[in-house]
């Protein structure tokens, strides 16, 4: 079993668009396990459906997107103490399942002068009691970069609750833009 997630994150000066195509797939299977992978479906509040999105620094945008997408996720944060992720639980993962995650990420003016940070995607999991056990956190681009693919692989470990597997789009802490 594999999981593939592809996401696009765009950062603009004081704004970072996580213009995303997020895909989660079982390895060797082309079915996308992420709901609303391009953030194109919006609720009545304008936020992307199926995503937990902290509205104080993230919002849905149609201004900057991948050529094949109609929406993105805009990151706008001037407070380096804030660290929030847009996340979604991934249904169908299994213990011992081998997965991969990939994200197409674009940054514009992502200020990393206070930390060695970047814009990227991650996958995390916890035990059945909710205690965080781990995850994968591939590095992504910072400063100004064109679309870059970020990739990593992982296995859902023994002791993890498969229902806790969560994919997130984020900008590393202490990065502002």
N, C-alpha and C. Protein backbone atom coordinates (compact mmCIF):
# COMPACT_ATOMS: atom_id res chain seq x y z
N UNK A 1 0.84 -1.18 0.00
CA UNK A 1 0.00 0.00 0.00
C UNK A 1 0.88 1.23 0.00
N UNK A 2 0.57 2.20 -0.83
CA UNK A 2 1.32 3.45 -0.88
C UNK A 2 0.38 4.62 -0.80
N UNK A 3 0.92 5.72 -0.40
CA UNK A 3 0.17 6.95 -0.29
C UNK A 3 0.96 8.01 -1.03
N UNK A 4 0.35 8.73 -1.92
CA UNK A 4 1.05 9.79 -2.61
C UNK A 4 0.28 11.06 -2.40
N UNK A 5 0.97 12.11 -1.98
CA UNK A 5 0.31 13.40 -1.81
C UNK A 5 1.09 14.42 -2.60
N UNK A 6 0.43 15.16 -3.44
CA UNK A 6 1.12 16.24 -4.13
C UNK A 6 0.38 17.52 -3.82
N UNK A 7 1.13 18.54 -3.54
CA UNK A 7 0.55 19.79 -3.07
C UNK A 7 1.36 20.93 -3.66
N UNK A 8 0.75 22.04 -3.90
CA UNK A 8 1.47 23.21 -4.35
C UNK A 8 1.31 24.30 -3.32
N UNK A 9 2.42 24.87 -2.93
CA UNK A 9 2.41 25.96 -1.96
C UNK A 9 3.10 27.14 -2.61
N UNK A 10 2.45 28.28 -2.65
CA UNK A 10 3.03 29.47 -3.24
C UNK A 10 3.14 30.53 -2.15
N UNK A 11 4.28 31.20 -2.07
CA UNK A 11 4.46 32.25 -1.07
C UNK A 11 4.76 33.57 -1.76
N UNK A 12 4.10 34.65 -1.37
CA UNK A 12 4.30 35.97 -1.96
C UNK A 12 4.59 36.99 -0.88
N UNK A 13 5.81 37.48 -0.80
CA UNK A 13 6.14 38.54 0.15
C UNK A 13 5.49 38.29 1.49
N UNK A 14 4.48 39.06 1.83
CA UNK A 14 3.80 38.82 3.10
C UNK A 14 2.68 37.82 2.93
N UNK A 15 2.53 37.25 1.76
CA UNK A 15 1.51 36.23 1.53
C UNK A 15 2.18 34.96 1.02
N UNK A 16 1.66 33.83 1.40
CA UNK A 16 2.14 32.55 0.87
C UNK A 16 0.92 31.80 0.38
N UNK A 17 0.84 31.54 -0.90
CA UNK A 17 -0.25 30.75 -1.43
C UNK A 17 0.15 29.30 -1.37
N UNK A 18 -0.58 28.52 -0.65
CA UNK A 18 -0.41 27.09 -0.71
C UNK A 18 -1.35 26.65 -1.81
N UNK A 19 -1.01 27.03 -3.03
CA UNK A 19 -1.84 26.75 -4.19
C UNK A 19 -1.73 25.28 -4.45
N UNK A 20 -2.67 24.51 -4.02
CA UNK A 20 -2.38 23.12 -3.83
C UNK A 20 -3.12 22.16 -4.73
N UNK A 21 -2.40 21.21 -5.14
CA UNK A 21 -2.93 19.97 -5.69
C UNK A 21 -2.36 18.94 -4.74
N UNK A 22 -3.14 18.51 -3.82
CA UNK A 22 -2.67 17.56 -2.83
C UNK A 22 -3.25 16.21 -3.16
N UNK A 23 -2.39 15.25 -3.37
CA UNK A 23 -2.81 13.92 -3.74
C UNK A 23 -2.29 12.92 -2.73
N UNK A 24 -3.11 12.06 -2.26
CA UNK A 24 -2.70 10.96 -1.42
C UNK A 24 -3.20 9.70 -2.09
N UNK A 25 -2.30 8.83 -2.43
CA UNK A 25 -2.67 7.62 -3.14
C UNK A 25 -1.97 6.42 -2.53
N UNK A 26 -2.62 5.28 -2.61
CA UNK A 26 -1.96 4.05 -2.25
C UNK A 26 -0.95 3.77 -3.34
N UNK A 27 0.22 3.30 -2.94
CA UNK A 27 1.27 3.04 -3.91
C UNK A 27 0.77 2.04 -4.94
N UNK A 28 1.12 2.28 -6.17
CA UNK A 28 0.73 1.45 -7.31
C UNK A 28 -0.76 1.51 -7.59
N UNK A 29 -1.44 2.48 -7.00
CA UNK A 29 -2.86 2.71 -7.25
C UNK A 29 -3.02 4.19 -7.55
N UNK A 30 -3.80 4.54 -8.54
CA UNK A 30 -3.89 5.95 -8.93
C UNK A 30 -5.03 6.70 -8.27
N UNK A 31 -5.76 6.08 -7.36
CA UNK A 31 -6.86 6.76 -6.68
C UNK A 31 -6.33 7.78 -5.68
N UNK A 32 -6.79 9.01 -5.78
CA UNK A 32 -6.39 10.05 -4.84
C UNK A 32 -7.19 9.89 -3.56
N UNK A 33 -6.50 9.79 -2.43
CA UNK A 33 -7.16 9.61 -1.14
C UNK A 33 -7.48 10.94 -0.47
N UNK A 34 -7.00 12.03 -1.00
CA UNK A 34 -7.27 13.36 -0.43
C UNK A 34 -8.57 13.89 -1.02
N UNK A 35 -9.43 14.38 -0.17
CA UNK A 35 -10.66 15.02 -0.63
C UNK A 35 -10.35 16.49 -0.92
N UNK A 36 -10.87 17.00 -2.01
CA UNK A 36 -10.68 18.40 -2.40
C UNK A 36 -9.18 18.75 -2.50
N UNK A 37 -8.43 18.00 -3.31
CA UNK A 37 -6.97 18.17 -3.36
C UNK A 37 -6.50 19.51 -3.90
N UNK A 38 -7.31 20.19 -4.68
CA UNK A 38 -6.91 21.49 -5.22
C UNK A 38 -7.53 22.66 -4.46
N UNK A 39 -8.20 22.38 -3.36
CA UNK A 39 -8.88 23.41 -2.57
C UNK A 39 -9.95 24.14 -3.39
N UNK A 40 -10.43 23.50 -4.46
CA UNK A 40 -11.38 24.15 -5.35
C UNK A 40 -12.80 24.19 -4.78
N UNK A 41 -13.17 23.19 -4.00
CA UNK A 41 -14.51 23.17 -3.40
C UNK A 41 -14.49 24.00 -2.13
N UNK A 42 -15.40 24.97 -2.04
CA UNK A 42 -15.44 25.85 -0.87
C UNK A 42 -16.79 25.74 -0.17
N UNK A 43 -16.76 25.90 1.14
CA UNK A 43 -17.99 25.92 1.92
C UNK A 43 -18.62 27.30 1.90
N UNK A 44 -19.71 27.47 2.61
CA UNK A 44 -20.41 28.75 2.69
C UNK A 44 -19.51 29.84 3.26
N UNK A 45 -18.53 29.45 4.09
CA UNK A 45 -17.60 30.41 4.68
C UNK A 45 -16.44 30.76 3.76
N UNK A 46 -16.39 30.14 2.56
CA UNK A 46 -15.32 30.41 1.61
C UNK A 46 -14.07 29.58 1.82
N UNK A 47 -14.04 28.78 2.87
CA UNK A 47 -12.87 27.95 3.17
C UNK A 47 -12.99 26.62 2.43
N UNK A 48 -11.84 25.98 2.14
CA UNK A 48 -11.87 24.70 1.42
C UNK A 48 -12.60 23.62 2.20
N UNK A 49 -13.49 22.92 1.52
CA UNK A 49 -14.19 21.80 2.13
C UNK A 49 -13.21 20.66 2.43
N UNK A 50 -13.50 19.89 3.46
CA UNK A 50 -12.75 18.69 3.86
C UNK A 50 -11.39 19.00 4.49
N UNK A 51 -11.08 20.25 4.70
CA UNK A 51 -9.81 20.65 5.29
C UNK A 51 -10.04 21.39 6.60
N UNK A 52 -9.19 21.15 7.58
CA UNK A 52 -9.16 21.96 8.80
C UNK A 52 -8.18 23.09 8.52
N UNK A 53 -8.70 24.29 8.35
CA UNK A 53 -7.88 25.44 7.93
C UNK A 53 -8.01 26.56 8.96
N UNK A 54 -6.90 26.93 9.63
CA UNK A 54 -6.94 28.05 10.57
C UNK A 54 -7.10 29.37 9.79
N UNK A 55 -8.26 29.98 9.89
CA UNK A 55 -8.62 31.14 9.07
C UNK A 55 -7.82 32.40 9.40
N UNK A 56 -7.11 32.43 10.53
CA UNK A 56 -6.36 33.64 10.86
C UNK A 56 -5.11 33.83 10.01
N UNK A 57 -4.56 32.74 9.43
CA UNK A 57 -3.37 32.90 8.58
C UNK A 57 -3.50 32.18 7.24
N UNK A 58 -4.57 31.43 7.03
CA UNK A 58 -4.76 30.71 5.79
C UNK A 58 -6.14 31.00 5.22
N UNK A 59 -6.20 31.12 3.91
CA UNK A 59 -7.48 31.33 3.25
C UNK A 59 -7.44 30.74 1.85
N UNK A 60 -8.61 30.46 1.31
CA UNK A 60 -8.72 29.95 -0.05
C UNK A 60 -8.56 31.11 -1.02
N UNK A 61 -7.81 30.86 -2.11
CA UNK A 61 -7.56 31.90 -3.09
C UNK A 61 -7.72 31.34 -4.50
N UNK A 62 -8.17 32.20 -5.41
CA UNK A 62 -8.20 31.82 -6.82
C UNK A 62 -7.24 32.69 -7.64
N UNK A 63 -6.46 33.51 -6.95
CA UNK A 63 -5.54 34.44 -7.62
C UNK A 63 -4.26 33.77 -8.11
N UNK A 64 -3.70 32.84 -7.34
CA UNK A 64 -2.47 32.17 -7.71
C UNK A 64 -2.70 30.68 -7.62
N UNK A 65 -2.60 30.00 -8.75
CA UNK A 65 -2.85 28.56 -8.78
C UNK A 65 -1.90 27.88 -9.75
N UNK A 66 -1.85 26.59 -9.66
CA UNK A 66 -1.15 25.81 -10.69
C UNK A 66 -1.95 25.96 -11.97
N UNK A 67 -1.30 25.78 -13.12
CA UNK A 67 -2.04 25.89 -14.38
C UNK A 67 -3.25 24.97 -14.46
N UNK A 68 -3.19 23.81 -13.82
CA UNK A 68 -4.30 22.86 -13.90
C UNK A 68 -5.33 23.02 -12.78
N UNK A 69 -5.13 23.98 -11.90
CA UNK A 69 -6.03 24.15 -10.75
C UNK A 69 -6.76 25.49 -10.81
N UNK A 70 -7.89 25.55 -10.10
CA UNK A 70 -8.68 26.78 -10.07
C UNK A 70 -8.61 27.49 -8.72
N UNK A 71 -7.94 26.88 -7.74
CA UNK A 71 -7.86 27.50 -6.41
C UNK A 71 -6.55 27.11 -5.74
N UNK A 72 -6.28 27.78 -4.64
CA UNK A 72 -5.09 27.51 -3.86
C UNK A 72 -5.40 27.85 -2.40
N UNK A 73 -4.41 27.66 -1.57
CA UNK A 73 -4.54 28.02 -0.17
C UNK A 73 -3.54 29.12 0.11
N UNK A 74 -4.01 30.29 0.52
CA UNK A 74 -3.17 31.46 0.75
C UNK A 74 -2.69 31.48 2.20
N UNK A 75 -1.40 31.58 2.37
CA UNK A 75 -0.78 31.70 3.69
C UNK A 75 -0.36 33.15 3.86
N UNK A 76 -0.81 33.80 4.92
CA UNK A 76 -0.48 35.20 5.17
C UNK A 76 -0.21 35.34 6.66
N UNK A 77 1.07 35.49 7.01
CA UNK A 77 1.44 35.51 8.42
C UNK A 77 2.61 36.46 8.64
N UNK A 78 2.45 37.42 9.52
CA UNK A 78 3.54 38.33 9.87
C UNK A 78 4.04 38.09 11.29
N UNK A 79 3.49 37.08 11.98
CA UNK A 79 3.87 36.77 13.35
C UNK A 79 4.65 35.45 13.38
N UNK A 80 5.97 35.51 13.57
CA UNK A 80 6.79 34.29 13.54
C UNK A 80 6.48 33.31 14.67
N UNK A 81 5.70 33.72 15.67
CA UNK A 81 5.34 32.82 16.76
C UNK A 81 4.19 31.91 16.38
N UNK A 82 3.43 32.27 15.33
CA UNK A 82 2.30 31.45 14.91
C UNK A 82 2.78 30.27 14.07
N UNK A 83 2.26 29.10 14.38
CA UNK A 83 2.60 27.90 13.63
C UNK A 83 1.33 27.08 13.49
N UNK A 84 0.69 27.17 12.34
CA UNK A 84 -0.57 26.50 12.10
C UNK A 84 -0.53 25.79 10.76
N UNK A 85 -1.23 24.67 10.70
CA UNK A 85 -1.24 23.84 9.52
C UNK A 85 -2.66 23.67 8.99
N UNK A 86 -2.79 23.53 7.69
CA UNK A 86 -4.06 23.13 7.07
C UNK A 86 -3.97 21.62 6.93
N UNK A 87 -4.93 20.88 7.51
CA UNK A 87 -4.79 19.43 7.59
C UNK A 87 -6.05 18.69 7.17
N UNK A 88 -5.84 17.41 6.85
CA UNK A 88 -6.93 16.52 6.49
C UNK A 88 -6.57 15.10 6.89
N UNK A 89 -7.48 14.39 7.55
CA UNK A 89 -7.28 12.97 7.86
C UNK A 89 -7.35 12.19 6.56
N UNK A 90 -6.49 11.18 6.45
CA UNK A 90 -6.47 10.33 5.26
C UNK A 90 -7.08 8.99 5.61
N UNK A 91 -8.17 8.66 4.96
CA UNK A 91 -8.91 7.42 5.23
C UNK A 91 -8.32 6.30 4.38
N UNK A 92 -8.14 5.14 5.01
CA UNK A 92 -7.72 3.95 4.26
C UNK A 92 -6.27 3.54 4.47
N UNK A 93 -5.53 4.21 5.33
CA UNK A 93 -4.15 3.81 5.61
C UNK A 93 -4.15 2.57 6.49
N UNK A 94 -3.08 1.78 6.40
CA UNK A 94 -2.97 0.56 7.18
C UNK A 94 -1.63 0.50 7.90
N UNK A 95 -1.59 -0.18 9.04
CA UNK A 95 -0.35 -0.42 9.77
C UNK A 95 0.58 -1.20 8.85
N UNK A 96 1.81 -0.76 8.75
CA UNK A 96 2.79 -1.43 7.89
C UNK A 96 2.68 -1.04 6.44
N UNK A 97 1.67 -0.24 6.10
CA UNK A 97 1.50 0.20 4.72
C UNK A 97 2.62 1.16 4.33
N UNK A 98 3.15 0.98 3.14
CA UNK A 98 4.23 1.82 2.62
C UNK A 98 3.62 2.91 1.74
N UNK A 99 3.97 4.16 2.00
CA UNK A 99 3.37 5.29 1.33
C UNK A 99 4.42 6.28 0.87
N UNK A 100 4.03 7.13 -0.04
CA UNK A 100 4.88 8.25 -0.46
C UNK A 100 4.03 9.50 -0.51
N UNK A 101 4.67 10.62 -0.29
CA UNK A 101 3.98 11.91 -0.35
C UNK A 101 4.81 12.82 -1.25
N UNK A 102 4.14 13.61 -2.06
CA UNK A 102 4.86 14.58 -2.89
C UNK A 102 4.04 15.85 -2.97
N UNK A 103 4.74 16.95 -3.12
CA UNK A 103 4.09 18.25 -3.18
C UNK A 103 4.81 19.13 -4.18
N UNK A 104 4.06 19.78 -5.04
CA UNK A 104 4.63 20.81 -5.91
C UNK A 104 4.50 22.12 -5.15
N UNK A 105 5.63 22.75 -4.86
CA UNK A 105 5.66 23.92 -3.99
C UNK A 105 6.33 25.09 -4.70
N UNK A 106 5.71 26.25 -4.60
CA UNK A 106 6.27 27.47 -5.17
C UNK A 106 6.28 28.54 -4.09
N UNK A 107 7.40 29.23 -3.93
CA UNK A 107 7.49 30.29 -2.92
C UNK A 107 7.93 31.59 -3.57
N UNK A 108 7.43 32.68 -3.03
CA UNK A 108 7.81 34.01 -3.48
C UNK A 108 8.02 34.86 -2.24
N UNK A 109 9.27 35.22 -1.97
CA UNK A 109 9.59 36.10 -0.85
C UNK A 109 9.35 35.49 0.51
N UNK A 110 9.53 34.19 0.65
CA UNK A 110 9.37 33.55 1.96
C UNK A 110 10.58 33.90 2.82
N UNK A 111 10.37 34.72 3.84
CA UNK A 111 11.44 35.23 4.70
C UNK A 111 11.86 34.15 5.68
N UNK A 112 13.06 33.63 5.52
CA UNK A 112 13.58 32.61 6.43
C UNK A 112 14.79 33.13 7.20
N UNK A 113 14.90 34.45 7.34
CA UNK A 113 16.07 35.02 8.00
C UNK A 113 16.14 34.66 9.47
N UNK A 114 15.01 34.32 10.09
CA UNK A 114 15.00 33.96 11.51
C UNK A 114 15.13 32.47 11.76
N UNK A 115 14.99 31.66 10.73
CA UNK A 115 15.07 30.21 10.90
C UNK A 115 15.35 29.57 9.55
N UNK A 116 15.78 28.34 9.58
CA UNK A 116 16.03 27.59 8.35
C UNK A 116 14.72 26.94 7.94
N UNK A 117 13.75 27.73 7.51
CA UNK A 117 12.41 27.22 7.24
C UNK A 117 12.09 27.15 5.77
N UNK A 118 10.86 26.69 5.49
CA UNK A 118 10.42 26.47 4.13
C UNK A 118 8.93 26.20 4.11
N UNK A 119 8.35 26.18 2.93
CA UNK A 119 6.95 25.80 2.73
C UNK A 119 6.94 24.36 2.23
N UNK A 120 6.03 23.54 2.76
CA UNK A 120 6.04 22.13 2.40
C UNK A 120 4.75 21.43 2.78
N UNK A 121 4.80 20.12 2.77
CA UNK A 121 3.71 19.23 3.17
C UNK A 121 4.29 18.22 4.16
N UNK A 122 3.47 17.71 5.06
CA UNK A 122 3.94 16.65 5.97
C UNK A 122 2.82 15.65 6.19
N UNK A 123 3.20 14.49 6.72
CA UNK A 123 2.24 13.47 7.12
C UNK A 123 2.61 13.06 8.54
N UNK A 124 1.59 13.00 9.42
CA UNK A 124 1.83 12.66 10.83
C UNK A 124 0.81 11.62 11.28
N UNK A 125 1.13 10.93 12.41
CA UNK A 125 0.24 9.94 12.97
C UNK A 125 0.41 9.88 14.48
N UNK A 126 -0.61 9.30 15.15
CA UNK A 126 -0.59 9.16 16.60
C UNK A 126 -1.06 7.76 16.98
N UNK A 127 -0.99 7.45 18.28
CA UNK A 127 -1.47 6.15 18.75
C UNK A 127 -2.98 6.23 18.99
N UNK A 128 -3.62 5.10 19.31
CA UNK A 128 -5.08 5.12 19.51
C UNK A 128 -5.55 6.06 20.62
N UNK A 129 -4.67 6.40 21.58
CA UNK A 129 -5.04 7.33 22.65
C UNK A 129 -4.83 8.78 22.24
N UNK A 130 -4.31 9.01 21.04
CA UNK A 130 -4.09 10.37 20.56
C UNK A 130 -2.71 10.93 20.81
N UNK A 131 -1.79 10.13 21.37
CA UNK A 131 -0.42 10.58 21.61
C UNK A 131 0.34 10.59 20.28
N UNK A 132 0.96 11.74 19.96
CA UNK A 132 1.71 11.88 18.72
C UNK A 132 2.87 10.90 18.71
N UNK A 133 3.02 10.15 17.61
CA UNK A 133 4.09 9.16 17.49
C UNK A 133 5.16 9.57 16.49
N UNK A 134 4.81 10.34 15.47
CA UNK A 134 5.82 10.70 14.49
C UNK A 134 5.20 11.15 13.18
N UNK A 135 6.08 11.28 12.21
CA UNK A 135 5.64 11.70 10.90
C UNK A 135 6.83 11.91 9.98
N UNK A 136 6.55 12.40 8.81
CA UNK A 136 7.60 12.76 7.86
C UNK A 136 7.46 14.24 7.55
N UNK A 137 8.59 14.91 7.42
CA UNK A 137 8.63 16.35 7.25
C UNK A 137 9.66 16.73 6.20
N UNK A 138 9.36 16.48 4.92
CA UNK A 138 10.34 16.79 3.87
C UNK A 138 10.59 18.29 3.76
N UNK A 139 11.82 18.64 3.48
CA UNK A 139 12.17 20.05 3.26
C UNK A 139 11.52 20.54 1.98
N UNK A 140 11.21 21.82 1.96
CA UNK A 140 10.64 22.44 0.78
C UNK A 140 11.40 23.71 0.46
N UNK A 141 10.99 24.43 -0.57
CA UNK A 141 11.69 25.64 -0.96
C UNK A 141 11.42 26.81 -0.02
N UNK A 142 12.34 27.76 -0.05
CA UNK A 142 12.17 29.00 0.71
C UNK A 142 12.58 30.15 -0.19
N UNK A 143 12.55 31.37 0.33
CA UNK A 143 12.90 32.53 -0.50
C UNK A 143 11.92 32.63 -1.64
N UNK A 144 12.45 32.65 -2.86
CA UNK A 144 11.63 32.68 -4.07
C UNK A 144 12.04 31.50 -4.94
N UNK A 145 11.08 30.65 -5.29
CA UNK A 145 11.37 29.49 -6.12
C UNK A 145 10.20 29.24 -7.05
N UNK A 146 10.49 28.64 -8.19
CA UNK A 146 9.43 28.21 -9.10
C UNK A 146 8.87 26.89 -8.54
N UNK A 147 7.88 26.31 -9.20
CA UNK A 147 7.29 25.07 -8.73
C UNK A 147 8.37 24.01 -8.56
N UNK A 148 8.42 23.43 -7.39
CA UNK A 148 9.42 22.42 -7.01
C UNK A 148 8.67 21.24 -6.41
N UNK A 149 9.03 20.03 -6.82
CA UNK A 149 8.38 18.86 -6.23
C UNK A 149 9.14 18.41 -4.99
N UNK A 150 8.42 18.29 -3.90
CA UNK A 150 8.94 17.81 -2.62
C UNK A 150 8.40 16.40 -2.44
N UNK A 151 9.29 15.43 -2.12
CA UNK A 151 8.87 14.03 -1.98
C UNK A 151 9.46 13.39 -0.74
N UNK A 152 8.74 12.41 -0.22
CA UNK A 152 9.25 11.58 0.87
C UNK A 152 8.41 10.30 0.92
N UNK A 153 8.92 9.30 1.59
CA UNK A 153 8.21 8.03 1.77
C UNK A 153 8.14 7.69 3.25
N UNK A 154 7.17 6.86 3.61
CA UNK A 154 7.04 6.45 5.00
C UNK A 154 6.23 5.17 5.09
N UNK A 155 6.30 4.53 6.26
CA UNK A 155 5.51 3.36 6.60
C UNK A 155 4.73 3.72 7.85
N UNK A 156 3.42 3.45 7.87
CA UNK A 156 2.63 3.67 9.07
C UNK A 156 3.10 2.64 10.09
N UNK A 157 3.68 3.09 11.22
CA UNK A 157 4.33 2.16 12.14
C UNK A 157 3.34 1.37 13.00
N UNK A 158 3.84 0.26 13.51
CA UNK A 158 3.10 -0.53 14.49
C UNK A 158 2.84 0.38 15.69
N UNK A 159 1.67 0.30 16.26
CA UNK A 159 1.31 1.15 17.40
C UNK A 159 0.57 2.41 16.99
N UNK A 160 0.62 2.75 15.72
CA UNK A 160 -0.09 3.94 15.24
C UNK A 160 -1.56 3.58 14.98
N UNK A 161 -2.41 4.55 15.11
CA UNK A 161 -3.82 4.40 14.76
C UNK A 161 -3.95 4.80 13.29
N UNK A 162 -4.27 3.86 12.39
CA UNK A 162 -4.37 4.22 10.97
C UNK A 162 -5.34 5.36 10.70
N UNK A 163 -6.35 5.51 11.54
CA UNK A 163 -7.33 6.60 11.37
C UNK A 163 -6.75 7.95 11.75
N UNK A 164 -5.56 7.97 12.36
CA UNK A 164 -4.95 9.23 12.76
C UNK A 164 -4.04 9.83 11.70
N UNK A 165 -3.77 9.10 10.62
CA UNK A 165 -2.85 9.59 9.59
C UNK A 165 -3.43 10.85 8.98
N UNK A 166 -2.62 11.90 8.98
CA UNK A 166 -3.08 13.22 8.57
C UNK A 166 -2.03 13.87 7.67
N UNK A 167 -2.49 14.46 6.57
CA UNK A 167 -1.61 15.19 5.69
C UNK A 167 -1.84 16.68 5.94
N UNK A 168 -0.76 17.46 5.93
CA UNK A 168 -0.86 18.89 6.23
C UNK A 168 -0.01 19.71 5.27
N UNK A 169 -0.48 20.90 5.01
CA UNK A 169 0.25 21.92 4.25
C UNK A 169 0.68 22.96 5.26
N UNK A 170 1.94 23.38 5.22
CA UNK A 170 2.38 24.36 6.21
C UNK A 170 3.64 25.10 5.79
N UNK A 171 3.89 26.16 6.51
CA UNK A 171 5.15 26.90 6.41
C UNK A 171 5.83 26.70 7.75
N UNK A 172 7.07 26.31 7.72
CA UNK A 172 7.82 25.99 8.94
C UNK A 172 7.80 27.16 9.93
N UNK A 173 7.77 26.87 11.24
CA UNK A 173 7.70 27.94 12.25
C UNK A 173 8.80 28.97 12.10
N UNK A 174 8.49 30.18 12.54
CA UNK A 174 9.38 31.34 12.51
C UNK A 174 9.59 31.91 11.12
N UNK A 175 8.93 31.35 10.13
CA UNK A 175 8.98 31.92 8.80
C UNK A 175 7.78 32.83 8.63
N UNK A 176 8.01 33.96 8.07
CA UNK A 176 6.91 34.90 7.85
C UNK A 176 6.84 35.25 6.39
N UNK A 177 5.69 35.65 6.00
CA UNK A 177 5.52 36.08 4.62
C UNK A 177 4.08 36.22 4.29
